[in-house]
Amino acid sequence: MKSLINIAFAVALVAPSLSHAAVPLTRAQVRAELIDLEDAGYNPIDDDNYPQNLEHAQAIVAQQNKANNAYGSDTAGASQSSGMAQTGEK
């Protein structure tokens, strides 16, 4: 019984520190997410295929975000030059 009380006490102490992890979205973030979903083909008024069309649009947005946040360069073999001659001085 004493160990059960200790476990309950430990959970009660840890719970507040874990609850801050879920940060609510701002109104602007929700609007931006809705715009991204609509750009991906989601229509909130179309209730005929509700879960499927939302999930499809979320998958498209996730792929776009994954491509935009991918590590590395998307310009394979490209180089840039300022057109200025290098003098060796810095």
C-alpha atoms as a PDB file:
ATOM      1  CA  MET A   1       0.000   0.000   0.000  1.00  0.00           C
ATOM      2  CA  LYS A   2       2.835   2.363   0.841  1.00  0.00           C
ATOM      3  CA  SER A   3       4.477   1.771  -2.555  1.00  0.00           C
ATOM      4  CA  LEU A   4       1.188   2.603  -4.282  1.00  0.00           C
ATOM      5  CA  ILE A   5       1.041   5.909  -2.414  1.00  0.00           C
ATOM      6  CA  ASN A   6       4.656   6.642  -3.371  1.00  0.00           C
ATOM      7  CA  ILE A   7       3.923   5.920  -7.038  1.00  0.00           C
ATOM      8  CA  ALA A   8       0.844   8.148  -6.966  1.00  0.00           C
ATOM      9  CA  PHE A   9       2.868  10.915  -5.338  1.00  0.00           C
ATOM     10  CA  ALA A  10       5.637  10.577  -7.949  1.00  0.00           C
ATOM     11  CA  VAL A  11       3.107  10.753 -10.783  1.00  0.00           C
ATOM     12  CA  ALA A  12       1.521  13.820  -9.204  1.00  0.00           C
ATOM     13  CA  LEU A  13       4.916  15.529  -9.068  1.00  0.00           C
ATOM     14  CA  VAL A  14       5.889  14.670 -12.653  1.00  0.00           C
ATOM     15  CA  ALA A  15       2.534  15.437 -14.309  1.00  0.00           C
ATOM     16  CA  PRO A  16       2.827  19.262 -14.274  1.00  0.00           C
ATOM     17  CA  SER A  17       6.250  19.153 -15.903  1.00  0.00           C
ATOM     18  CA  LEU A  18       4.908  17.039 -18.763  1.00  0.00           C
ATOM     19  CA  SER A  19       1.748  19.052 -19.302  1.00  0.00           C
ATOM     20  CA  HIS A  20       3.589  22.090 -20.708  1.00  0.00           C
ATOM     21  CA  ALA A  21       4.666  20.067 -23.759  1.00  0.00           C
ATOM     22  CA  ALA A  22       1.292  20.530 -25.463  1.00  0.00           C
ATOM     23  CA  VAL A  23       1.398  24.161 -26.567  1.00  0.00           C
ATOM     24  CA  PRO A  24      -1.886  25.399 -28.070  1.00  0.00           C
ATOM     25  CA  LEU A  25      -1.849  26.705 -31.620  1.00  0.00           C
ATOM     26  CA  THR A  26      -2.393  30.373 -32.304  1.00  0.00           C
ATOM     27  CA  ARG A  27      -5.182  31.589 -34.541  1.00  0.00           C
ATOM     28  CA  ALA A  28      -2.638  32.475 -37.242  1.00  0.00           C
ATOM     29  CA  GLN A  29      -1.144  28.969 -37.132  1.00  0.00           C
ATOM     30  CA  VAL A  30      -4.584  27.384 -37.529  1.00  0.00           C
ATOM     31  CA  ARG A  31      -5.395  29.680 -40.470  1.00  0.00           C
ATOM     32  CA  ALA A  32      -2.064  28.884 -42.133  1.00  0.00           C
ATOM     33  CA  GLU A  33      -2.666  25.154 -41.699  1.00  0.00           C
ATOM     34  CA  LEU A  34      -6.165  25.450 -43.171  1.00  0.00           C
ATOM     35  CA  ILE A  35      -4.819  27.415 -46.144  1.00  0.00           C
ATOM     36  CA  ASP A  36      -2.169  24.735 -46.732  1.00  0.00           C
ATOM     37  CA  LEU A  37      -4.854  22.029 -46.632  1.00  0.00           C
ATOM     38  CA  GLU A  38      -7.081  23.949 -49.045  1.00  0.00           C
ATOM     39  CA  ASP A  39      -4.123  24.449 -51.400  1.00  0.00           C
ATOM     40  CA  ALA A  40      -3.629  20.677 -51.291  1.00  0.00           C
ATOM     41  CA  GLY A  41      -7.216  20.123 -52.443  1.00  0.00           C
ATOM     42  CA  TYR A  42      -9.196  19.959 -49.202  1.00  0.00           C
ATOM     43  CA  ASN A  43     -12.614  21.580 -49.265  1.00  0.00           C
ATOM     44  CA  PRO A  44     -14.151  21.933 -45.778  1.00  0.00           C
ATOM     45  CA  ILE A  45     -17.631  22.267 -47.291  1.00  0.00           C
ATOM     46  CA  ASP A  46     -17.417  18.894 -49.080  1.00  0.00           C
ATOM     47  CA  ASP A  47     -18.806  16.476 -46.485  1.00  0.00           C
ATOM     48  CA  ASP A  48     -19.364  13.575 -48.894  1.00  0.00           C
ATOM     49  CA  ASN A  49     -15.835  12.204 -48.493  1.00  0.00           C
ATOM     50  CA  TYR A  50     -14.943  13.922 -45.222  1.00  0.00           C
ATOM     51  CA  PRO A  51     -12.320  11.777 -43.601  1.00  0.00           C
ATOM     52  CA  GLN A  52     -10.749  10.615 -46.849  1.00  0.00           C
ATOM     53  CA  ASN A  53     -10.321  14.034 -48.485  1.00  0.00           C
ATOM     54  CA  LEU A  54      -8.910  15.548 -45.284  1.00  0.00           C
ATOM     55  CA  GLU A  55      -6.455  12.673 -44.821  1.00  0.00           C
ATOM     56  CA  HIS A  56      -5.419  12.933 -48.474  1.00  0.00           C
ATOM     57  CA  ALA A  57      -4.777  16.675 -48.156  1.00  0.00           C
ATOM     58  CA  GLN A  58      -2.843  16.125 -44.904  1.00  0.00           C
ATOM     59  CA  ALA A  59      -0.665  13.542 -46.667  1.00  0.00           C
ATOM     60  CA  ILE A  60       0.061  15.999 -49.491  1.00  0.00           C
ATOM     61  CA  VAL A  61       0.954  18.774 -47.030  1.00  0.00           C
ATOM     62  CA  ALA A  62       3.171  16.373 -45.071  1.00  0.00           C
ATOM     63  CA  GLN A  63       5.024  15.409 -48.264  1.00  0.00           C
ATOM     64  CA  GLN A  64       5.477  19.066 -49.190  1.00  0.00           C
ATOM     65  CA  ASN A  65       6.759  19.898 -45.710  1.00  0.00           C
ATOM     66  CA  LYS A  66       9.101  16.923 -45.805  1.00  0.00           C
ATOM     67  CA  ALA A  67      10.476  18.053 -49.172  1.00  0.00           C
ATOM     68  CA  ASN A  68      10.856  21.649 -47.981  1.00  0.00           C
ATOM     69  CA  ASN A  69      12.576  20.637 -44.743  1.00  0.00           C
ATOM     70  CA  ALA A  70      14.820  17.980 -46.258  1.00  0.00           C
ATOM     71  CA  TYR A  71      18.471  18.094 -45.353  1.00  0.00           C
ATOM     72  CA  GLY A  72      20.902  19.010 -48.090  1.00  0.00           C
ATOM     73  CA  SER A  73      20.821  20.932 -51.310  1.00  0.00           C
ATOM     74  CA  ASP A  74      18.229  20.646 -54.040  1.00  0.00           C
ATOM     75  CA  THR A  75      20.541  22.233 -56.615  1.00  0.00           C
ATOM     76  CA  ALA A  76      22.621  19.266 -57.685  1.00  0.00           C
ATOM     77  CA  GLY A  77      25.938  20.417 -59.060  1.00  0.00           C
ATOM     78  CA  ALA A  78      25.089  24.099 -59.162  1.00  0.00           C
ATOM     79  CA  SER A  79      27.583  26.769 -58.259  1.00  0.00           C
ATOM     80  CA  GLN A  80      27.330  30.479 -57.725  1.00  0.00           C
ATOM     81  CA  SER A  81      29.783  33.251 -58.382  1.00  0.00           C
ATOM     82  CA  SER A  82      29.630  36.920 -57.544  1.00  0.00           C
ATOM     83  CA  GLY A  83      31.521  37.869 -60.672  1.00  0.00           C
ATOM     84  CA  MET A  84      34.185  39.617 -58.594  1.00  0.00           C
ATOM     85  CA  ALA A  85      37.798  38.538 -58.866  1.00  0.00           C
ATOM     86  CA  GLN A  86      39.296  37.059 -55.730  1.00  0.00           C
ATOM     87  CA  THR A  87      42.365  38.917 -54.508  1.00  0.00           C
ATOM     88  CA  GLY A  88      43.403  36.621 -51.695  1.00  0.00           C
ATOM     89  CA  GLU A  89      42.961  39.381 -49.100  1.00  0.00           C
ATOM     90  CA  LYS A  90      40.265  39.214 -46.485  1.00  0.00           C
END
